[in-house]
Amino acid sequence: MSITSSLQSLKLSSPFLHGSTSLSLLSKPNSSLSHQPLKPPAFLPPIRAMKSMRGKVVCATNDNTVSVEVVRLAPHPKYKRRVRKKKKFQAHDLDNQFKVGDLVQLEKSRPISKTKTFLIVPIPSKNGKQETGELGIPLESKQLEEQQA
């Protein structure tokens, strides 16, 4: 009897006895591996993929809409040679100011219709520069003229 009385006289000060502390009050250990999204610094602009592209107007018959063909270089899947890939995009031309053959820049925007998500921006002409092709590479005919002259 002395052992049980001595055990009863000992008061354990643990809050975990008999479930007296709720689990919601327990805090999780802080870990450097815990998943917390990192915010970029305020002075850096947000990163957006493919916000603008350059291309050539190929169709301007619709009202407020032009078709722009964008050409890019991509490696061939088998031969790894760089080949030209073309894709046509619909762009919003509010003033109908662009004609077929104009070099323009496409800026990503909110969806305007089912197929139009780009606004069209004119590229200022480079006065005194030689005429370049779709990718900014001088045309072969222009290079031959320069070599002969």
Protein backbone atom coordinates (compact mmCIF):
# COMPACT_ATOMS: atom_id res chain seq x y z
CA MET A 1 0.00 0.00 0.00
CA SER A 2 2.83 2.32 0.54
CA ILE A 3 3.84 2.11 -3.12
CA THR A 4 0.41 3.05 -4.42
CA SER A 5 0.09 5.89 -1.97
CA SER A 6 3.52 7.20 -2.92
CA LEU A 7 2.56 7.04 -6.62
CA GLN A 8 -0.65 8.94 -5.96
CA SER A 9 1.25 11.55 -4.03
CA LEU A 10 3.51 12.12 -7.03
CA LYS A 11 1.80 14.52 -9.34
CA LEU A 12 3.09 14.33 -12.81
CA SER A 13 2.94 17.71 -14.44
CA SER A 14 2.64 16.45 -17.99
CA PRO A 15 -0.27 17.94 -19.94
CA PHE A 16 -0.48 14.77 -22.02
CA LEU A 17 -1.90 12.62 -19.22
CA HIS A 18 -5.41 11.45 -19.91
CA GLY A 19 -5.69 13.59 -23.04
CA SER A 20 -5.97 16.86 -21.17
CA THR A 21 -4.28 18.82 -23.98
CA SER A 22 -5.93 18.96 -27.36
CA LEU A 23 -3.83 18.14 -30.39
CA SER A 24 -4.75 21.41 -32.09
CA LEU A 25 -2.72 23.34 -29.52
CA LEU A 26 0.40 21.42 -30.37
CA SER A 27 2.61 23.16 -32.89
CA LYS A 28 4.45 21.41 -35.67
CA PRO A 29 8.22 21.54 -35.52
CA ASN A 30 9.77 24.15 -37.79
CA SER A 31 11.75 22.52 -40.53
CA SER A 32 13.79 24.03 -43.33
CA LEU A 33 12.36 21.34 -45.62
CA SER A 34 8.76 22.34 -45.01
CA HIS A 35 6.94 23.47 -48.14
CA GLN A 36 6.46 27.22 -48.06
CA PRO A 37 6.06 29.09 -51.36
CA LEU A 38 8.80 31.64 -51.81
CA LYS A 39 7.74 35.08 -52.96
CA PRO A 40 9.99 36.81 -55.50
CA PRO A 41 11.36 40.19 -54.46
CA ALA A 42 9.01 43.10 -55.10
CA PHE A 43 11.39 44.85 -57.50
CA LEU A 44 11.44 41.94 -59.99
CA PRO A 45 8.69 41.81 -62.62
CA PRO A 46 6.60 38.63 -62.81
CA ILE A 47 7.92 36.01 -65.23
CA ARG A 48 5.55 35.28 -68.11
CA ALA A 49 6.42 32.81 -70.81
CA MET A 50 6.00 33.84 -74.44
CA LYS A 51 4.62 37.30 -73.90
CA SER A 52 5.45 38.58 -77.37
CA MET A 53 6.30 37.21 -80.81
CA ARG A 54 7.25 38.72 -84.15
CA GLY A 55 5.65 37.77 -87.42
CA LYS A 56 4.37 38.81 -90.81
CA VAL A 57 0.77 39.71 -91.65
CA VAL A 58 -0.56 37.17 -94.18
CA CYS A 59 -4.30 37.99 -94.21
CA ALA A 60 -6.04 41.27 -93.39
CA THR A 61 -9.48 40.80 -94.98
CA ASN A 62 -11.50 40.45 -91.76
CA ASP A 63 -12.65 43.46 -89.74
CA ASN A 64 -10.47 44.13 -86.66
CA THR A 65 -8.61 40.84 -87.18
CA VAL A 66 -5.39 39.94 -88.97
CA SER A 67 -3.64 36.61 -89.42
CA VAL A 68 0.03 36.71 -88.51
CA GLU A 69 2.50 33.99 -89.46
CA VAL A 70 5.23 33.49 -86.88
CA VAL A 71 8.38 31.66 -87.98
CA ARG A 72 10.77 30.06 -85.51
CA LEU A 73 13.78 27.78 -85.76
CA ALA A 74 13.51 24.41 -84.04
CA PRO A 75 15.74 21.32 -84.19
CA HIS A 76 14.51 18.44 -86.34
CA PRO A 77 13.56 15.51 -84.08
CA LYS A 78 15.70 12.97 -85.91
CA TYR A 79 18.41 14.89 -87.76
CA LYS A 80 18.89 17.71 -85.21
CA ARG A 81 19.22 20.28 -88.00
CA ARG A 82 17.46 23.57 -87.36
CA VAL A 83 14.35 23.83 -89.51
CA ARG A 84 11.81 26.64 -89.90
CA LYS A 85 8.49 26.05 -88.17
CA LYS A 86 5.56 28.28 -89.11
CA LYS A 87 2.38 28.92 -87.18
CA LYS A 88 -0.48 31.31 -87.84
CA PHE A 89 -2.11 33.34 -85.07
CA GLN A 90 -5.17 35.56 -85.12
CA ALA A 91 -4.52 39.03 -83.69
CA HIS A 92 -6.74 41.99 -82.84
CA ASP A 93 -6.21 45.03 -85.08
CA LEU A 94 -8.56 47.69 -83.72
CA ASP A 95 -7.93 50.39 -86.37
CA ASN A 96 -7.47 48.05 -89.37
CA GLN A 97 -4.12 49.74 -89.98
CA PHE A 98 -2.02 46.69 -90.94
CA LYS A 99 -1.72 45.36 -94.49
CA VAL A 100 -0.45 42.06 -95.88
CA GLY A 101 3.34 41.86 -95.65
CA ASP A 102 3.78 44.15 -92.60
CA LEU A 103 6.19 42.97 -89.90
CA VAL A 104 4.43 43.18 -86.54
CA GLN A 105 4.79 42.13 -82.93
CA LEU A 106 2.15 40.10 -81.10
CA GLU A 107 1.51 40.86 -77.44
CA LYS A 108 -0.35 38.34 -75.25
CA SER A 109 -3.62 39.65 -73.81
CA ARG A 110 -6.91 38.44 -72.43
CA PRO A 111 -8.97 36.30 -74.82
CA ILE A 112 -10.86 38.55 -77.23
CA SER A 113 -12.67 35.71 -79.01
CA LYS A 114 -12.34 31.96 -79.41
CA THR A 115 -9.17 32.21 -81.51
CA LYS A 116 -7.86 35.72 -80.74
CA THR A 117 -5.65 36.19 -77.67
CA PHE A 118 -3.07 38.60 -79.12
CA LEU A 119 -2.92 42.32 -79.67
CA ILE A 120 -0.92 43.57 -82.63
CA VAL A 121 1.82 46.20 -82.19
CA PRO A 122 3.74 47.79 -85.07
CA ILE A 123 7.50 47.33 -85.23
CA PRO A 124 9.26 50.60 -86.03
CA SER A 125 11.09 50.39 -89.35
CA LYS A 126 14.86 50.46 -89.17
CA ASN A 127 15.89 53.19 -91.59
CA GLY A 128 19.20 52.56 -93.29
CA LYS A 129 19.13 48.84 -92.49
CA GLN A 130 19.11 46.16 -95.16
CA GLU A 131 15.94 44.18 -95.79
CA THR A 132 15.81 41.05 -93.70
CA GLY A 133 13.79 37.85 -93.94
CA GLU A 134 11.27 36.46 -91.50
CA LEU A 135 13.83 35.57 -88.84
CA GLY A 136 15.98 38.67 -89.07
CA ILE A 137 18.45 36.87 -91.34
CA PRO A 138 19.40 38.71 -94.56
CA LEU A 139 17.83 37.23 -97.67
CA GLU A 140 20.14 35.28 -100.01
CA SER A 141 19.27 37.55 -102.93
CA LYS A 142 20.38 40.59 -100.92
CA GLN A 143 23.63 38.86 -99.94
CA LEU A 144 24.40 37.98 -103.59
CA GLU A 145 23.77 41.59 -104.66
CA GLU A 146 26.21 42.86 -102.03
CA GLN A 147 28.90 40.38 -103.07
CA GLN A 148 28.57 41.31 -106.75
CA ALA A 149 28.66 45.04 -106.04
